[in-house]
Amino acid sequence: MTKISNDTVYIVDNDISDLDSLIGTDGNTTAKRTKNFLLGQFRAYLKSGLSPLTGGVLRFTEITYTGALYATNAAVLNALDPIFVVDQYHVVIVNLNGAKSILKLQNRSVGINLPLVLTTDFITLPTSVGPIGPQGTQGVVGPQGTQGNPGIQGNTGATGVTGQQGVAGPQGVAGNNGANASNNLQRDASVSFSVTDADNNFVIQLKNTTAITVTIPAAGLRNFFNVGFSRKGAGEVSFVGDTGVTLQNPVGFRISRQFDPSYLERDGATQIYALYGQTKI
């Protein structure tokens, strides 16, 4: 227990902290023993709320002023408008530009046109802070926790709305005219012959004066082969197929008259050829 001397003047401690002690009497025992009470315990007790023995409710109010108009905490309270009522058990703290003090007066009103509050009516609160204690040893890193299960993949979002079609670009410059197709896809014949794959898409002008035969071979022609004929001469023109080739026409396999057209077309990859146009038996 701390001893108190009646003839010793003790040093004033302006560096108040929760670890400082006050000496008092323990009222919870019949022996009324003298004990030390930590200021930190007082602070916790006040924060928890008090039930005053004689009326009133414990309250805390902080009035803050920042500026150069008032030089003292008393001047701040004397200028209050409207006036401020300080009740019993009412702790009023004035914060003047960061310097705090506690008003000792209670059960009165303060403010403009009221009896003046004096600077001696305040208890100045210390602003110094004790030195920071040494940092404790860092604790051991705890074990890593178990990795959580992967989350469920969300549903695929709905397809967005199709944007508007862009404006058509400017039309390009027209290319040069191609060569005359009639010069490139025509050839003449005046004697009997077999068509070849090179005749595909051609028009063969038949300029024979006597009868001739056009043969369709069983091999060498591409799928969907087609060729046209124009009977220019007076001689008869007949169509025959090699072994395995089938010719189809509802009438016959000869071109009807001079200047009549005819057209031969292969059915895909088969050996069936259809003969169209002006024909006869």
Foldseek 3Di string as FASTA:
>chain_A
DDDDDPPDDDDDDQAADQADWDWAFDPVDPVRDIDIDGVVVVVVVVVVFDDDPPDDGAEEEEAEDEDDPDDAQQVVQAADPPKAAFAPNYWYWYQYNNWIWTFQDHGGITHYPDPGDDNVRIGTRRDDHDDDDDDDDDDDDDDDDDDDDDDDDDDDDDDDDDDDDDDDDDDDDDDDDDPDVLVVQEEEDAAADEDAQVNFPHEYEHAHQAEHEYEYEPDHHAFFGKHKYFQAYQHKYFYYYDPQAAEDDPAHGIADGHGWMKMWTHHGPHRYIYIDTRGHD
